[in-house]
PDB file of all heavy atoms in Angstrom:
ATOM      1  N   LYS A   1      53.345 -45.183 -13.651  1.00  0.00           N
ATOM      2  CA  LYS A   1      54.472 -46.066 -13.970  1.00  0.00           C
ATOM      3  C   LYS A   1      55.395 -46.332 -12.785  1.00  0.00           C
ATOM      4  O   LYS A   1      56.151 -47.274 -12.806  1.00  0.00           O
ATOM      5  CB  LYS A   1      55.304 -45.504 -15.134  1.00  0.00           C
ATOM      6  CG  LYS A   1      54.518 -45.261 -16.422  1.00  0.00           C
ATOM      7  CD  LYS A   1      53.972 -46.555 -16.986  1.00  0.00           C
ATOM      8  CE  LYS A   1      53.242 -46.314 -18.299  1.00  0.00           C
ATOM      9  NZ  LYS A   1      52.648 -47.545 -18.835  1.00  0.00           N
ATOM     10  N   THR A   2      55.337 -45.495 -11.760  1.00  0.00           N
ATOM     11  CA  THR A   2      56.183 -45.716 -10.582  1.00  0.00           C
ATOM     12  C   THR A   2      55.353 -45.553  -9.316  1.00  0.00           C
ATOM     13  O   THR A   2      54.273 -44.945  -9.327  1.00  0.00           O
ATOM     14  CB  THR A   2      57.363 -44.727 -10.522  1.00  0.00           C
ATOM     15  OG1 THR A   2      56.854 -43.387 -10.461  1.00  0.00           O
ATOM     16  CG2 THR A   2      58.271 -44.894 -11.736  1.00  0.00           C
ATOM     17  N   VAL A   3      55.866 -46.100  -8.231  1.00  0.00           N
ATOM     18  CA  VAL A   3      55.230 -45.973  -6.928  1.00  0.00           C
ATOM     19  C   VAL A   3      56.235 -45.337  -5.977  1.00  0.00           C
ATOM     20  O   VAL A   3      57.385 -45.768  -5.895  1.00  0.00           O
ATOM     21  CB  VAL A   3      54.788 -47.347  -6.374  1.00  0.00           C
ATOM     22  CG1 VAL A   3      54.056 -47.172  -5.048  1.00  0.00           C
ATOM     23  CG2 VAL A   3      53.913 -48.081  -7.366  1.00  0.00           C
ATOM     24  N   LYS A   4      55.796 -44.305  -5.284  1.00  0.00           N
ATOM     25  CA  LYS A   4      56.691 -43.575  -4.386  1.00  0.00           C
ATOM     26  C   LYS A   4      56.519 -44.059  -2.948  1.00  0.00           C
ATOM     27  O   LYS A   4      55.398 -44.206  -2.457  1.00  0.00           O
ATOM     28  CB  LYS A   4      56.418 -42.074  -4.454  1.00  0.00           C
ATOM     29  CG  LYS A   4      57.389 -41.224  -3.653  1.00  0.00           C
ATOM     30  CD  LYS A   4      57.125 -39.738  -3.858  1.00  0.00           C
ATOM     31  CE  LYS A   4      58.126 -38.885  -3.082  1.00  0.00           C
ATOM     32  NZ  LYS A   4      57.880 -37.439  -3.298  1.00  0.00           N
ATOM     33  N   PHE A   5      57.643 -44.311  -2.288  1.00  0.00           N
ATOM     34  CA  PHE A   5      57.664 -44.731  -0.889  1.00  0.00           C
ATOM     35  C   PHE A   5      58.483 -43.746  -0.064  1.00  0.00           C
ATOM     36  O   PHE A   5      59.541 -43.293  -0.494  1.00  0.00           O
ATOM     37  CB  PHE A   5      58.283 -46.129  -0.744  1.00  0.00           C
ATOM     38  CG  PHE A   5      57.397 -47.243  -1.210  1.00  0.00           C
ATOM     39  CD1 PHE A   5      57.348 -47.602  -2.556  1.00  0.00           C
ATOM     40  CD2 PHE A   5      56.604 -47.934  -0.315  1.00  0.00           C
ATOM     41  CE1 PHE A   5      56.526 -48.625  -2.987  1.00  0.00           C
ATOM     42  CE2 PHE A   5      55.778 -48.968  -0.740  1.00  0.00           C
ATOM     43  CZ  PHE A   5      55.736 -49.320  -2.080  1.00  0.00           C
ATOM     44  N   ILE A   6      57.966 -43.413   1.104  1.00  0.00           N
ATOM     45  CA  ILE A   6      58.714 -42.639   2.100  1.00  0.00           C
ATOM     46  C   ILE A   6      58.916 -43.565   3.297  1.00  0.00           C
ATOM     47  O   ILE A   6      57.958 -43.915   3.998  1.00  0.00           O
ATOM     48  CB  ILE A   6      57.967 -41.364   2.512  1.00  0.00           C
ATOM     49  CG1 ILE A   6      57.705 -40.481   1.291  1.00  0.00           C
ATOM     50  CG2 ILE A   6      58.764 -40.598   3.569  1.00  0.00           C
ATOM     51  CD1 ILE A   6      56.894 -39.238   1.594  1.00  0.00           C
ATOM     52  N   ILE A   7      60.146 -43.976   3.519  1.00  0.00           N
ATOM     53  CA  ILE A   7      60.450 -44.999   4.517  1.00  0.00           C
ATOM     54  C   ILE A   7      61.210 -44.392   5.687  1.00  0.00           C
ATOM     55  O   ILE A   7      62.216 -43.693   5.493  1.00  0.00           O
ATOM     56  CB  ILE A   7      61.273 -46.145   3.889  1.00  0.00           C
ATOM     57  CG1 ILE A   7      60.507 -46.750   2.698  1.00  0.00           C
ATOM     58  CG2 ILE A   7      61.590 -47.212   4.919  1.00  0.00           C
ATOM     59  CD1 ILE A   7      61.269 -47.829   1.968  1.00  0.00           C
ATOM     60  N   THR A   8      60.714 -44.635   6.884  1.00  0.00           N
ATOM     61  CA  THR A   8      61.428 -44.229   8.097  1.00  0.00           C
ATOM     62  C   THR A   8      62.536 -45.230   8.362  1.00  0.00           C
ATOM     63  O   THR A   8      62.276 -46.420   8.562  1.00  0.00           O
ATOM     64  CB  THR A   8      60.473 -44.158   9.300  1.00  0.00           C
ATOM     65  OG1 THR A   8      59.440 -43.206   9.025  1.00  0.00           O
ATOM     66  CG2 THR A   8      61.232 -43.733  10.557  1.00  0.00           C
ATOM     67  N   ARG A   9      63.760 -44.738   8.376  1.00  0.00           N
ATOM     68  CA  ARG A   9      64.912 -45.616   8.529  1.00  0.00           C
ATOM     69  C   ARG A   9      65.675 -45.298   9.817  1.00  0.00           C
ATOM     70  O   ARG A   9      65.556 -44.206  10.386  1.00  0.00           O
ATOM     71  CB  ARG A   9      65.849 -45.484   7.325  1.00  0.00           C
ATOM     72  CG  ARG A   9      65.148 -45.672   5.980  1.00  0.00           C
ATOM     73  CD  ARG A   9      66.125 -45.938   4.874  1.00  0.00           C
ATOM     74  NE  ARG A   9      66.892 -47.164   5.133  1.00  0.00           N
ATOM     75  CZ  ARG A   9      67.886 -47.597   4.348  1.00  0.00           C
ATOM     76  NH1 ARG A   9      68.240 -46.895   3.280  1.00  0.00           N
ATOM     77  NH2 ARG A   9      68.525 -48.715   4.643  1.00  0.00           N
ATOM     78  N   GLN A  10      66.438 -46.271  10.278  1.00  0.00           N
ATOM     79  CA  GLN A  10      67.260 -46.111  11.478  1.00  0.00           C
ATOM     80  C   GLN A  10      68.433 -47.066  11.366  1.00  0.00           C
ATOM     81  O   GLN A  10      68.247 -48.278  11.277  1.00  0.00           O
ATOM     82  CB  GLN A  10      66.422 -46.398  12.735  1.00  0.00           C
ATOM     83  CG  GLN A  10      67.120 -46.038  14.038  1.00  0.00           C
ATOM     84  CD  GLN A  10      66.176 -46.083  15.225  1.00  0.00           C
ATOM     85  OE1 GLN A  10      64.979 -45.835  15.087  1.00  0.00           O
ATOM     86  NE2 GLN A  10      66.714 -46.413  16.392  1.00  0.00           N
ATOM     87  N   ASP A  11      69.624 -46.539  11.348  1.00  0.00           N
ATOM     88  CA  ASP A  11      70.808 -47.348  11.062  1.00  0.00           C
ATOM     89  C   ASP A  11      71.167 -48.310  12.189  1.00  0.00           C
ATOM     90  O   ASP A  11      71.607 -49.431  11.943  1.00  0.00           O
ATOM     91  CB  ASP A  11      71.998 -46.432  10.752  1.00  0.00           C
ATOM     92  CG  ASP A  11      71.748 -45.581   9.509  1.00  0.00           C
ATOM     93  OD1 ASP A  11      70.995 -46.044   8.626  1.00  0.00           O
ATOM     94  OD2 ASP A  11      72.285 -44.465   9.428  1.00  0.00           O
ATOM     95  N   THR A  12      70.998 -47.862  13.433  1.00  0.00           N
ATOM     96  CA  THR A  12      71.290 -48.702  14.596  1.00  0.00           C
ATOM     97  C   THR A  12      70.206 -48.482  15.640  1.00  0.00           C
ATOM     98  O   THR A  12      69.443 -47.509  15.557  1.00  0.00           O
ATOM     99  CB  THR A  12      72.660 -48.347  15.226  1.00  0.00           C
ATOM    100  OG1 THR A  12      72.586 -47.025  15.786  1.00  0.00           O
ATOM    101  CG2 THR A  12      73.773 -48.395  14.181  1.00  0.00           C
ATOM    102  N   PRO A  13      70.117 -49.348  16.646  1.00  0.00           N
ATOM    103  CA  PRO A  13      69.103 -49.146  17.689  1.00  0.00           C
ATOM    104  C   PRO A  13      69.256 -47.813  18.427  1.00  0.00           C
ATOM    105  O   PRO A  13      68.268 -47.287  18.943  1.00  0.00           O
ATOM    106  CB  PRO A  13      69.342 -50.330  18.637  1.00  0.00           C
ATOM    107  CG  PRO A  13      69.939 -51.389  17.775  1.00  0.00           C
ATOM    108  CD  PRO A  13      70.795 -50.655  16.789  1.00  0.00           C
ATOM    109  N   GLU A  14      70.476 -47.274  18.479  1.00  0.00           N
ATOM    110  CA  GLU A  14      70.717 -46.045  19.219  1.00  0.00           C
ATOM    111  C   GLU A  14      70.653 -44.781  18.359  1.00  0.00           C
ATOM    112  O   GLU A  14      70.530 -43.681  18.882  1.00  0.00           O
ATOM    113  CB  GLU A  14      72.101 -46.096  19.897  1.00  0.00           C
ATOM    114  CG  GLU A  14      72.238 -47.150  20.982  1.00  0.00           C
ATOM    115  CD  GLU A  14      72.456 -48.548  20.416  1.00  0.00           C
ATOM    116  OE1 GLU A  14      72.926 -48.644  19.257  1.00  0.00           O
ATOM    117  OE2 GLU A  14      72.133 -49.535  21.103  1.00  0.00           O
ATOM    118  N   SER A  15      70.753 -44.915  17.044  1.00  0.00           N
ATOM    119  CA  SER A  15      70.801 -43.742  16.177  1.00  0.00           C
ATOM    120  C   SER A  15      69.419 -43.141  15.967  1.00  0.00           C
ATOM    121  O   SER A  15      68.395 -43.782  16.208  1.00  0.00           O
ATOM    122  CB  SER A  15      71.424 -44.104  14.829  1.00  0.00           C
ATOM    123  OG  SER A  15      70.645 -45.090  14.169  1.00  0.00           O
ATOM    124  N   ALA A  16      69.392 -41.907  15.494  1.00  0.00           N
ATOM    125  CA  ALA A  16      68.132 -41.192  15.279  1.00  0.00           C
ATOM    126  C   ALA A  16      67.471 -41.653  13.977  1.00  0.00           C
ATOM    127  O   ALA A  16      68.154 -41.912  12.990  1.00  0.00           O
ATOM    128  CB  ALA A  16      68.389 -39.693  15.229  1.00  0.00           C
ATOM    129  N   PRO A  17      66.152 -41.759  13.963  1.00  0.00           N
ATOM    130  CA  PRO A  17      65.456 -42.138  12.727  1.00  0.00           C
ATOM    131  C   PRO A  17      65.450 -40.995  11.715  1.00  0.00           C
ATOM    132  O   PRO A  17      65.528 -39.818  12.085  1.00  0.00           O
ATOM    133  CB  PRO A  17      64.044 -42.464  13.210  1.00  0.00           C
ATOM    134  CG  PRO A  17      63.879 -41.680  14.472  1.00  0.00           C
ATOM    135  CD  PRO A  17      65.238 -41.604  15.105  1.00  0.00           C
ATOM    136  N   TYR A  18      65.360 -41.332  10.457  1.00  0.00           N
ATOM    137  CA  TYR A  18      65.268 -40.352   9.378  1.00  0.00           C
ATOM    138  C   TYR A  18      64.435 -40.936   8.254  1.00  0.00           C
ATOM    139  O   TYR A  18      64.198 -42.143   8.200  1.00  0.00           O
ATOM    140  CB  TYR A  18      66.667 -39.967   8.880  1.00  0.00           C
ATOM    141  CG  TYR A  18      67.446 -41.122   8.285  1.00  0.00           C
ATOM    142  CD1 TYR A  18      67.443 -41.378   6.918  1.00  0.00           C
ATOM    143  CD2 TYR A  18      68.207 -41.968   9.105  1.00  0.00           C
ATOM    144  CE1 TYR A  18      68.153 -42.447   6.379  1.00  0.00           C
ATOM    145  CE2 TYR A  18      68.918 -43.034   8.574  1.00  0.00           C
ATOM    146  CZ  TYR A  18      68.884 -43.260   7.211  1.00  0.00           C
ATOM    147  OH  TYR A  18      69.586 -44.316   6.680  1.00  0.00           O
ATOM    148  N   GLU A  19      63.971 -40.087   7.362  1.00  0.00           N
ATOM    149  CA  GLU A  19      63.150 -40.539   6.245  1.00  0.00           C
ATOM    150  C   GLU A  19      63.943 -40.541   4.951  1.00  0.00           C
ATOM    151  O   GLU A  19      64.781 -39.671   4.727  1.00  0.00           O
ATOM    152  CB  GLU A  19      61.908 -39.654   6.086  1.00  0.00           C
ATOM    153  CG  GLU A  19      60.897 -39.822   7.203  1.00  0.00           C
ATOM    154  CD  GLU A  19      59.615 -39.038   6.944  1.00  0.00           C
ATOM    155  OE1 GLU A  19      59.640 -38.146   6.055  1.00  0.00           O
ATOM    156  OE2 GLU A  19      58.595 -39.293   7.621  1.00  0.00           O
ATOM    157  N   GLU A  20      63.673 -41.537   4.125  1.00  0.00           N
ATOM    158  CA  GLU A  20      64.315 -41.630   2.818  1.00  0.00           C
ATOM    159  C   GLU A  20      63.257 -42.020   1.789  1.00  0.00           C
ATOM    160  O   GLU A  20      62.415 -42.874   2.050  1.00  0.00           O
ATOM    161  CB  GLU A  20      65.449 -42.657   2.840  1.00  0.00           C
ATOM    162  CG  GLU A  20      66.361 -42.569   1.626  1.00  0.00           C
ATOM    163  CD  GLU A  20      67.681 -43.302   1.820  1.00  0.00           C
ATOM    164  OE1 GLU A  20      67.730 -44.224   2.672  1.00  0.00           O
ATOM    165  OE2 GLU A  20      68.645 -42.972   1.133  1.00  0.00           O
ATOM    166  N   GLU A  21      63.305 -41.374   0.632  1.00  0.00           N
ATOM    167  CA  GLU A  21      62.295 -41.587  -0.398  1.00  0.00           C
ATOM    168  C   GLU A  21      62.835 -42.477  -1.520  1.00  0.00           C
ATOM    169  O   GLU A  21      63.993 -42.364  -1.910  1.00  0.00           O
ATOM    170  CB  GLU A  21      61.835 -40.247  -0.977  1.00  0.00           C
ATOM    171  CG  GLU A  21      61.168 -39.344   0.050  1.00  0.00           C
ATOM    172  CD  GLU A  21      60.650 -38.050  -0.569  1.00  0.00           C
ATOM    173  OE1 GLU A  21      60.623 -37.955  -1.823  1.00  0.00           O
ATOM    174  OE2 GLU A  21      60.287 -37.136   0.191  1.00  0.00           O
ATOM    175  N   PHE A  22      61.942 -43.347  -2.001  1.00  0.00           N
ATOM    176  CA  PHE A  22      62.296 -44.256  -3.094  1.00  0.00           C
ATOM    177  C   PHE A  22      61.144 -44.282  -4.103  1.00  0.00           C
ATOM    178  O   PHE A  22      59.984 -44.035  -3.744  1.00  0.00           O
ATOM    179  CB  PHE A  22      62.538 -45.682  -2.574  1.00  0.00           C
ATOM    180  CG  PHE A  22      63.684 -45.816  -1.620  1.00  0.00           C
ATOM    181  CD1 PHE A  22      63.493 -45.657  -0.243  1.00  0.00           C
ATOM    182  CD2 PHE A  22      64.964 -46.104  -2.080  1.00  0.00           C
ATOM    183  CE1 PHE A  22      64.552 -45.790   0.644  1.00  0.00           C
ATOM    184  CE2 PHE A  22      66.025 -46.230  -1.200  1.00  0.00           C
ATOM    185  CZ  PHE A  22      65.814 -46.073   0.159  1.00  0.00           C
ATOM    186  N   GLU A  23      61.476 -44.609  -5.327  1.00  0.00           N
ATOM    187  CA  GLU A  23      60.469 -44.863  -6.353  1.00  0.00           C
ATOM    188  C   GLU A  23      60.786 -46.196  -7.006  1.00  0.00           C
ATOM    189  O   GLU A  23      61.939 -46.469  -7.345  1.00  0.00           O
ATOM    190  CB  GLU A  23      60.452 -43.745  -7.409  1.00  0.00           C
ATOM    191  CG  GLU A  23      59.763 -42.477  -6.934  1.00  0.00           C
ATOM    192  CD  GLU A  23      59.554 -41.481  -8.064  1.00  0.00           C
ATOM    193  OE1 GLU A  23      60.011 -41.756  -9.191  1.00  0.00           O
ATOM    194  OE2 GLU A  23      58.952 -40.420  -7.821  1.00  0.00           O
ATOM    195  N   VAL A  24      59.764 -47.017  -7.140  1.00  0.00           N
ATOM    196  CA  VAL A  24      59.947 -48.332  -7.763  1.00  0.00           C
ATOM    197  C   VAL A  24      58.998 -48.449  -8.944  1.00  0.00           C
ATOM    198  O   VAL A  24      57.917 -47.840  -8.951  1.00  0.00           O
ATOM    199  CB  VAL A  24      59.689 -49.473  -6.748  1.00  0.00           C
ATOM    200  CG1 VAL A  24      60.660 -49.390  -5.582  1.00  0.00           C
ATOM    201  CG2 VAL A  24      58.258 -49.434  -6.242  1.00  0.00           C
TER     202      VAL A  24
END
């Protein structure tokens, strides 16, 4: 019923990347 995503995110070009999980 749902699909899980782990997305690598980065707020600005200089900031460090991090992962955030979502379910749709």
